[in-house]
C-alpha atoms as a PDB file:
ATOM      1  CA  MET A   1      67.377  87.312 228.127  1.00  0.00           C
ATOM      2  CA  ALA A   2      64.471  89.654 228.505  1.00  0.00           C
ATOM      3  CA  TYR A   3      66.438  92.747 227.580  1.00  0.00           C
ATOM      4  CA  SER A   4      69.326  93.252 225.183  1.00  0.00           C
ATOM      5  CA  LEU A   5      72.915  93.345 226.401  1.00  0.00           C
ATOM      6  CA  ILE A   6      74.725  94.919 223.490  1.00  0.00           C
ATOM      7  CA  THR A   7      78.180  93.970 224.805  1.00  0.00           C
ATOM      8  CA  LEU A   8      77.116  90.340 224.338  1.00  0.00           C
ATOM      9  CA  GLU A   9      74.998  90.510 221.216  1.00  0.00           C
ATOM     10  CA  GLN A  10      77.067  93.055 219.286  1.00  0.00           C
ATOM     11  CA  SER A  11      80.530  92.754 220.793  1.00  0.00           C
ATOM     12  CA  LYS A  12      82.212  94.477 217.842  1.00  0.00           C
ATOM     13  CA  SER A  13      79.850  97.449 217.717  1.00  0.00           C
ATOM     14  CA  PRO A  14      80.985 101.020 218.471  1.00  0.00           C
ATOM     15  CA  ILE A  15      78.868 101.021 221.637  1.00  0.00           C
ATOM     16  CA  SER A  16      80.517  97.839 222.921  1.00  0.00           C
ATOM     17  CA  GLU A  17      83.887  99.439 222.242  1.00  0.00           C
ATOM     18  CA  ALA A  18      82.764 102.470 224.245  1.00  0.00           C
ATOM     19  CA  TYR A  19      82.002 100.194 227.204  1.00  0.00           C
ATOM     20  CA  ARG A  20      85.458  98.668 226.902  1.00  0.00           C
ATOM     21  CA  THR A  21      86.941 102.159 226.961  1.00  0.00           C
ATOM     22  CA  LEU A  22      84.865 102.942 230.050  1.00  0.00           C
ATOM     23  CA  ARG A  23      86.155  99.726 231.650  1.00  0.00           C
ATOM     24  CA  THR A  24      89.730 100.799 230.956  1.00  0.00           C
ATOM     25  CA  ASN A  25      89.140 104.295 232.307  1.00  0.00           C
ATOM     26  CA  VAL A  26      87.684 102.884 235.513  1.00  0.00           C
ATOM     27  CA  GLN A  27      90.704 100.623 235.959  1.00  0.00           C
ATOM     28  CA  PHE A  28      93.034 103.628 235.802  1.00  0.00           C
ATOM     29  CA  THR A  29      91.034 105.987 238.023  1.00  0.00           C
ATOM     30  CA  SER A  30      93.219 105.409 241.048  1.00  0.00           C
ATOM     31  CA  VAL A  31      96.954 104.833 241.189  1.00  0.00           C
ATOM     32  CA  ASP A  32      97.396 104.459 244.942  1.00  0.00           C
ATOM     33  CA  SER A  33      94.367 102.299 245.791  1.00  0.00           C
ATOM     34  CA  GLU A  34      92.069  99.784 244.136  1.00  0.00           C
ATOM     35  CA  THR A  35      88.696 100.832 242.796  1.00  0.00           C
ATOM     36  CA  LYS A  36      86.642  97.704 243.433  1.00  0.00           C
ATOM     37  CA  LYS A  37      83.315  98.943 244.817  1.00  0.00           C
ATOM     38  CA  ILE A  38      81.614 101.144 242.224  1.00  0.00           C
ATOM     39  CA  MET A  39      78.179 102.724 242.415  1.00  0.00           C
ATOM     40  CA  ILE A  40      76.330 103.771 239.257  1.00  0.00           C
ATOM     41  CA  THR A  41      73.561 106.324 239.500  1.00  0.00           C
ATOM     42  CA  SER A  42      71.855 109.015 237.411  1.00  0.00           C
ATOM     43  CA  SER A  43      70.275 112.416 237.916  1.00  0.00           C
ATOM     44  CA  GLY A  44      66.808 111.200 236.954  1.00  0.00           C
ATOM     45  CA  PRO A  45      64.848 108.200 235.696  1.00  0.00           C
ATOM     46  CA  ARG A  46      65.246 106.509 232.299  1.00  0.00           C
ATOM     47  CA  GLU A  47      68.788 107.742 231.675  1.00  0.00           C
ATOM     48  CA  GLY A  48      70.126 104.233 231.132  1.00  0.00           C
ATOM     49  CA  LYS A  49      72.035 103.664 234.373  1.00  0.00           C
ATOM     50  CA  SER A  50      70.876 100.047 234.785  1.00  0.00           C
ATOM     51  CA  SER A  51      71.853  99.046 231.246  1.00  0.00           C
ATOM     52  CA  THR A  52      75.186 100.816 231.788  1.00  0.00           C
ATOM     53  CA  VAL A  53      75.755  98.714 234.923  1.00  0.00           C
ATOM     54  CA  ALA A  54      74.924  95.462 233.133  1.00  0.00           C
ATOM     55  CA  ASN A  55      76.990  96.147 230.026  1.00  0.00           C
ATOM     56  CA  LEU A  56      79.955  97.393 232.049  1.00  0.00           C
ATOM     57  CA  ALA A  57      79.770  94.186 234.098  1.00  0.00           C
ATOM     58  CA  VAL A  58      79.876  92.072 230.934  1.00  0.00           C
ATOM     59  CA  SER A  59      82.786  94.103 229.592  1.00  0.00           C
ATOM     60  CA  ILE A  60      84.756  93.655 232.820  1.00  0.00           C
ATOM     61  CA  ALA A  61      84.068  89.905 232.827  1.00  0.00           C
ATOM     62  CA  GLN A  62      85.215  89.669 229.213  1.00  0.00           C
ATOM     63  CA  ALA A  63      88.578  90.957 230.443  1.00  0.00           C
ATOM     64  CA  GLY A  64      88.854  87.935 232.741  1.00  0.00           C
ATOM     65  CA  LYS A  65      87.658  89.553 235.973  1.00  0.00           C
ATOM     66  CA  SER A  66      84.943  88.359 238.349  1.00  0.00           C
ATOM     67  CA  VAL A  67      82.042  90.783 238.815  1.00  0.00           C
ATOM     68  CA  ILE A  68      78.979  90.925 241.008  1.00  0.00           C
ATOM     69  CA  VAL A  69      76.110  93.251 240.158  1.00  0.00           C
ATOM     70  CA  VAL A  70      74.061  94.365 243.165  1.00  0.00           C
ATOM     71  CA  ASP A  71      70.665  95.809 242.268  1.00  0.00           C
ATOM     72  CA  ALA A  72      70.192  98.333 245.063  1.00  0.00           C
ATOM     73  CA  ASP A  73      67.449 100.145 243.148  1.00  0.00           C
ATOM     74  CA  MET A  74      64.875  98.245 245.177  1.00  0.00           C
ATOM     75  CA  ARG A  75      62.158 100.738 244.277  1.00  0.00           C
ATOM     76  CA  ASN A  76      62.453  99.853 240.585  1.00  0.00           C
ATOM     77  CA  PRO A  77      64.666  96.741 240.196  1.00  0.00           C
ATOM     78  CA  THR A  78      65.843  96.093 236.636  1.00  0.00           C
ATOM     79  CA  GLN A  79      68.919  93.863 236.639  1.00  0.00           C
ATOM     80  CA  HIS A  80      66.868  90.645 236.738  1.00  0.00           C
ATOM     81  CA  LYS A  81      65.209  91.731 233.475  1.00  0.00           C
ATOM     82  CA  LEU A  82      68.512  92.558 231.810  1.00  0.00           C
ATOM     83  CA  PHE A  83      70.044  89.202 232.724  1.00  0.00           C
ATOM     84  CA  GLY A  84      66.839  87.153 232.483  1.00  0.00           C
ATOM     85  CA  LEU A  85      66.803  86.106 236.144  1.00  0.00           C
ATOM     86  CA  ASP A  86      64.152  85.368 238.762  1.00  0.00           C
ATOM     87  CA  ASN A  87      63.482  88.186 241.225  1.00  0.00           C
ATOM     88  CA  GLY A  88      61.543  86.262 243.851  1.00  0.00           C
ATOM     89  CA  GLN A  89      64.407  86.759 246.277  1.00  0.00           C
ATOM     90  CA  GLY A  90      67.225  89.257 246.194  1.00  0.00           C
ATOM     91  CA  LEU A  91      68.781  92.169 248.073  1.00  0.00           C
ATOM     92  CA  SER A  92      65.613  93.137 249.947  1.00  0.00           C
ATOM     93  CA  VAL A  93      65.340  89.601 251.338  1.00  0.00           C
ATOM     94  CA  ALA A  94      69.080  89.232 251.986  1.00  0.00           C
ATOM     95  CA  LEU A  95      69.077  92.354 254.163  1.00  0.00           C
ATOM     96  CA  VAL A  96      66.311  91.142 256.488  1.00  0.00           C
ATOM     97  CA  GLN A  97      67.244  87.459 256.735  1.00  0.00           C
ATOM     98  CA  ASP A  98      70.048  86.333 259.015  1.00  0.00           C
ATOM     99  CA  GLN A  99      71.631  84.062 256.437  1.00  0.00           C
ATOM    100  CA  ASP A 100      74.647  83.959 254.139  1.00  0.00           C
ATOM    101  CA  TYR A 101      74.275  86.625 251.445  1.00  0.00           C
ATOM    102  CA  ARG A 102      75.708  84.260 248.857  1.00  0.00           C
ATOM    103  CA  GLN A 103      72.609  82.088 248.834  1.00  0.00           C
ATOM    104  CA  TYR A 104      70.705  84.936 247.168  1.00  0.00           C
ATOM    105  CA  VAL A 105      73.319  85.511 244.451  1.00  0.00           C
ATOM    106  CA  GLN A 106      72.508  84.089 241.001  1.00  0.00           C
ATOM    107  CA  GLU A 107      74.723  82.969 238.178  1.00  0.00           C
ATOM    108  CA  THR A 108      74.164  84.489 234.751  1.00  0.00           C
ATOM    109  CA  ALA A 109      74.730  83.272 231.207  1.00  0.00           C
ATOM    110  CA  VAL A 110      77.874  85.420 231.182  1.00  0.00           C
ATOM    111  CA  PRO A 111      80.949  83.676 232.629  1.00  0.00           C
ATOM    112  CA  GLY A 112      82.338  85.760 235.483  1.00  0.00           C
ATOM    113  CA  VAL A 113      79.170  87.766 236.135  1.00  0.00           C
ATOM    114  CA  MET A 114      76.991  87.101 239.184  1.00  0.00           C
ATOM    115  CA  VAL A 115      73.915  89.118 240.158  1.00  0.00           C
ATOM    116  CA  LEU A 116      72.118  89.897 243.392  1.00  0.00           C
ATOM    117  CA  THR A 117      68.748  91.079 242.114  1.00  0.00           C
ATOM    118  CA  GLY A 118      66.689  93.715 243.904  1.00  0.00           C
ATOM    119  CA  GLY A 119      64.104  91.264 245.210  1.00  0.00           C
ATOM    120  CA  PRO A 120      60.506  92.098 246.192  1.00  0.00           C
ATOM    121  CA  ILE A 121      59.963  95.846 246.630  1.00  0.00           C
ATOM    122  CA  PRO A 122      60.242  96.633 250.365  1.00  0.00           C
ATOM    123  CA  PRO A 123      58.378  99.381 252.257  1.00  0.00           C
ATOM    124  CA  ASN A 124      61.635 100.841 253.635  1.00  0.00           C
ATOM    125  CA  PRO A 125      64.431 100.709 251.015  1.00  0.00           C
ATOM    126  CA  ALA A 126      66.352 103.681 252.448  1.00  0.00           C
ATOM    127  CA  GLU A 127      66.518 102.025 255.875  1.00  0.00           C
ATOM    128  CA  LEU A 128      67.708  98.768 254.331  1.00  0.00           C
ATOM    129  CA  VAL A 129      70.552 100.314 252.297  1.00  0.00           C
ATOM    130  CA  GLY A 130      71.606 102.336 255.331  1.00  0.00           C
ATOM    131  CA  SER A 131      71.806  99.275 257.569  1.00  0.00           C
ATOM    132  CA  LYS A 132      74.977  97.733 258.995  1.00  0.00           C
ATOM    133  CA  ARG A 133      74.052  94.553 257.140  1.00  0.00           C
ATOM    134  CA  MET A 134      74.218  96.402 253.807  1.00  0.00           C
ATOM    135  CA  LYS A 135      77.663  97.739 254.678  1.00  0.00           C
ATOM    136  CA  ARG A 136      78.871  94.237 255.556  1.00  0.00           C
ATOM    137  CA  LEU A 137      77.399  92.840 252.356  1.00  0.00           C
ATOM    138  CA  ILE A 138      79.321  95.333 250.217  1.00  0.00           C
ATOM    139  CA  GLU A 139      82.553  94.633 252.097  1.00  0.00           C
ATOM    140  CA  GLU A 140      82.188  90.852 251.872  1.00  0.00           C
ATOM    141  CA  PHE A 141      81.464  91.000 248.144  1.00  0.00           C
ATOM    142  CA  SER A 142      84.536  93.188 247.609  1.00  0.00           C
ATOM    143  CA  GLU A 143      86.607  90.404 249.168  1.00  0.00           C
ATOM    144  CA  GLN A 144      85.020  87.696 247.006  1.00  0.00           C
ATOM    145  CA  PHE A 145      84.925  89.461 243.618  1.00  0.00           C
ATOM    146  CA  ASP A 146      87.314  91.598 241.602  1.00  0.00           C
ATOM    147  CA  THR A 147      84.620  94.234 241.051  1.00  0.00           C
ATOM    148  CA  VAL A 148      81.336  95.106 242.770  1.00  0.00           C
ATOM    149  CA  LEU A 149      78.934  97.188 240.655  1.00  0.00           C
ATOM    150  CA  ILE A 150      75.971  98.683 242.528  1.00  0.00           C
ATOM    151  CA  ASP A 151      72.910  99.924 240.661  1.00  0.00           C
ATOM    152  CA  THR A 152      71.105 102.610 242.696  1.00  0.00           C
ATOM    153  CA  PRO A 153      68.069 104.882 242.249  1.00  0.00           C
ATOM    154  CA  PRO A 154      68.641 108.355 240.764  1.00  0.00           C
ATOM    155  CA  ILE A 155      70.645 110.465 243.224  1.00  0.00           C
ATOM    156  CA  ILE A 156      68.170 113.373 243.242  1.00  0.00           C
ATOM    157  CA  ALA A 157      64.970 111.370 243.669  1.00  0.00           C
ATOM    158  CA  VAL A 158      65.636 109.589 246.978  1.00  0.00           C
ATOM    159  CA  THR A 159      68.348 109.250 249.630  1.00  0.00           C
ATOM    160  CA  ASP A 160      69.321 105.632 248.796  1.00  0.00           C
ATOM    161  CA  ALA A 161      72.151 106.515 246.405  1.00  0.00           C
ATOM    162  CA  ALA A 162      73.633 109.156 248.708  1.00  0.00           C
ATOM    163  CA  ILE A 163      73.763 106.585 251.522  1.00  0.00           C
ATOM    164  CA  ILE A 164      75.490 103.926 249.412  1.00  0.00           C
ATOM    165  CA  ALA A 165      77.905 106.462 247.882  1.00  0.00           C
ATOM    166  CA  GLN A 166      79.627 106.688 251.265  1.00  0.00           C
ATOM    167  CA  GLU A 167      80.410 102.948 251.254  1.00  0.00           C
ATOM    168  CA  VAL A 168      82.041 102.602 247.829  1.00  0.00           C
ATOM    169  CA  ASP A 169      85.381 103.437 246.219  1.00  0.00           C
ATOM    170  CA  GLY A 170      83.836 105.566 243.503  1.00  0.00           C
ATOM    171  CA  VAL A 171      80.706 106.694 241.684  1.00  0.00           C
ATOM    172  CA  ILE A 172      79.825 106.890 237.993  1.00  0.00           C
ATOM    173  CA  LEU A 173      77.068 109.303 237.005  1.00  0.00           C
ATOM    174  CA  VAL A 174      75.010 108.396 233.921  1.00  0.00           C
ATOM    175  CA  LEU A 175      73.386 111.242 231.972  1.00  0.00           C
ATOM    176  CA  ALA A 176      71.064 110.900 228.981  1.00  0.00           C
ATOM    177  CA  SER A 177      72.134 112.822 225.888  1.00  0.00           C
ATOM    178  CA  GLY A 178      69.554 115.378 224.780  1.00  0.00           C
ATOM    179  CA  GLU A 179      67.298 114.539 227.734  1.00  0.00           C
ATOM    180  CA  VAL A 180      69.075 115.408 230.945  1.00  0.00           C
ATOM    181  CA  ASN A 181      68.271 118.768 232.477  1.00  0.00           C
ATOM    182  CA  LYS A 182      71.465 120.753 233.054  1.00  0.00           C
ATOM    183  CA  GLU A 183      70.244 121.901 236.465  1.00  0.00           C
ATOM    184  CA  PHE A 184      69.440 118.325 237.490  1.00  0.00           C
ATOM    185  CA  ALA A 185      72.893 117.155 236.401  1.00  0.00           C
ATOM    186  CA  GLN A 186      74.512 119.885 238.504  1.00  0.00           C
ATOM    187  CA  ARG A 187      72.312 119.031 241.487  1.00  0.00           C
ATOM    188  CA  ALA A 188      73.263 115.373 241.129  1.00  0.00           C
ATOM    189  CA  LYS A 189      76.955 116.236 241.351  1.00  0.00           C
ATOM    190  CA  GLU A 190      76.330 118.530 244.317  1.00  0.00           C
ATOM    191  CA  GLN A 191      74.454 115.764 246.139  1.00  0.00           C
ATOM    192  CA  LEU A 192      77.387 113.417 245.658  1.00  0.00           C
ATOM    193  CA  ASP A 193      79.873 116.073 246.753  1.00  0.00           C
ATOM    194  CA  LYS A 194      77.888 116.683 249.952  1.00  0.00           C
ATOM    195  CA  VAL A 195      78.368 113.098 251.116  1.00  0.00           C
ATOM    196  CA  GLY A 196      82.032 113.056 250.151  1.00  0.00           C
ATOM    197  CA  ALA A 197      81.589 110.658 247.234  1.00  0.00           C
ATOM    198  CA  LYS A 198      84.510 110.128 244.895  1.00  0.00           C
ATOM    199  CA  ILE A 199      83.133 110.793 241.419  1.00  0.00           C
ATOM    200  CA  LEU A 200      85.068 108.632 238.992  1.00  0.00           C
ATOM    201  CA  GLY A 201      83.406 110.182 235.984  1.00  0.00           C
ATOM    202  CA  ALA A 202      80.255 110.610 233.960  1.00  0.00           C
ATOM    203  CA  VAL A 203      78.849 108.698 231.015  1.00  0.00           C
ATOM    204  CA  LEU A 204      76.781 110.472 228.385  1.00  0.00           C
ATOM    205  CA  ASN A 205      74.279 107.821 227.364  1.00  0.00           C
ATOM    206  CA  LYS A 206      71.750 107.530 224.528  1.00  0.00           C
ATOM    207  CA  ALA A 207      73.848 109.478 222.033  1.00  0.00           C
ATOM    208  CA  ASP A 208      72.165 109.581 218.615  1.00  0.00           C
ATOM    209  CA  MET A 209      74.417 107.516 216.374  1.00  0.00           C
ATOM    210  CA  LYS A 210      72.435 108.502 213.285  1.00  0.00           C
ATOM    211  CA  THR A 211      73.760 112.043 213.493  1.00  0.00           C
ATOM    212  CA  SER A 212      77.407 111.132 213.861  1.00  0.00           C
ATOM    213  CA  GLU A 213      79.951 108.826 212.331  1.00  0.00           C
ATOM    214  CA  TYR A 214      80.985 107.751 215.824  1.00  0.00           C
ATOM    215  CA  TYR A 215      79.333 106.925 219.092  1.00  0.00           C
ATOM    216  CA  TYR A 216      80.613 109.306 221.727  1.00  0.00           C
ATOM    217  CA  TYR A 217      80.498 109.369 225.458  1.00  0.00           C
ATOM    218  CA  TYR A 218      82.202 111.720 227.844  1.00  0.00           C
ATOM    219  CA  TYR A 219      84.304 110.704 230.774  1.00  0.00           C
ATOM    220  CA  TYR A 220      85.786 113.112 233.251  1.00  0.00           C
ATOM    221  CA  HIS A 221      87.316 113.014 236.697  1.00  0.00           C
ATOM    222  CA  GLY A 222      85.590 115.046 239.398  1.00  0.00           C
ATOM    223  CA  SER A 223      88.428 115.254 241.907  1.00  0.00           C
ATOM    224  CA  ASP A 224      89.478 118.810 241.140  1.00  0.00           C
ATOM    225  CA  ASP A 225      88.510 121.790 239.007  1.00  0.00           C
ATOM    226  CA  SER A 226      91.145 121.153 236.375  1.00  0.00           C
ATOM    227  CA  ALA A 227      89.834 117.624 235.836  1.00  0.00           C
ATOM    228  CA  LYS A 228      86.220 118.581 235.273  1.00  0.00           C
ATOM    229  CA  LYS A 229      86.735 119.333 231.620  1.00  0.00           C
ATOM    230  CA  PRO A 230      85.130 116.482 229.639  1.00  0.00           C
ATOM    231  CA  LYS A 231      87.295 114.248 227.522  1.00  0.00           C
ATOM    232  CA  ARG A 232      85.854 112.866 224.331  1.00  0.00           C
ATOM    233  CA  HIS A 233      86.528 109.262 223.440  1.00  0.00           C
ATOM    234  CA  LYS A 234      85.927 107.792 219.994  1.00  0.00           C
ATOM    235  CA  ALA A 235      84.689 104.245 219.730  1.00  0.00           C
ATOM    236  CA  ARG A 236      85.882 102.987 216.399  1.00  0.00           C
END
């Protein structure tokens, strides 16, 4: 693998435990309906959203569930690097070819995890993710897999994430500890609210473990004012 997946390489580490806690929280986000189609985005670049997608996928698969990762960040595809896959064909090709989407899906070294890489960078990513074919792809994958995780560009930068947010059951917002601009984080939430996205919660990524005995991340529900207060989880 080109990049490190800590949930595989250090399965007993505090960070891996934090991903398992995130997996559990996601499973209990909705009582009345399933949360199968999940989009992961960030407020800006380099906040760790793509690694969060990949490690969450591994964690879900380790619980015996089938997962497909869709790299919809076609402007800067990363999932093929994280899983060590070829990116010659992927989502960008699947959306313009009139063929079965499944032929572009790749197996990974992780049992239960499949990946549809981003593919060659297209000139019109926003048009592709807003197409009827993209909507059908998400729906078909939700019928074939227990969980569909969609990696998108930062919500503030381009419209891609806002478009996809309307087609999923929930959204997770990844924010980088000590790096994210408070105003950007607020704007990210406002952008999601404008399109009626269901915010499942937020992950505070890149916490400095050297300054604390524990690795922390924050998870909160965004459905109402009373639920916006962050909850701290310890990963032992």
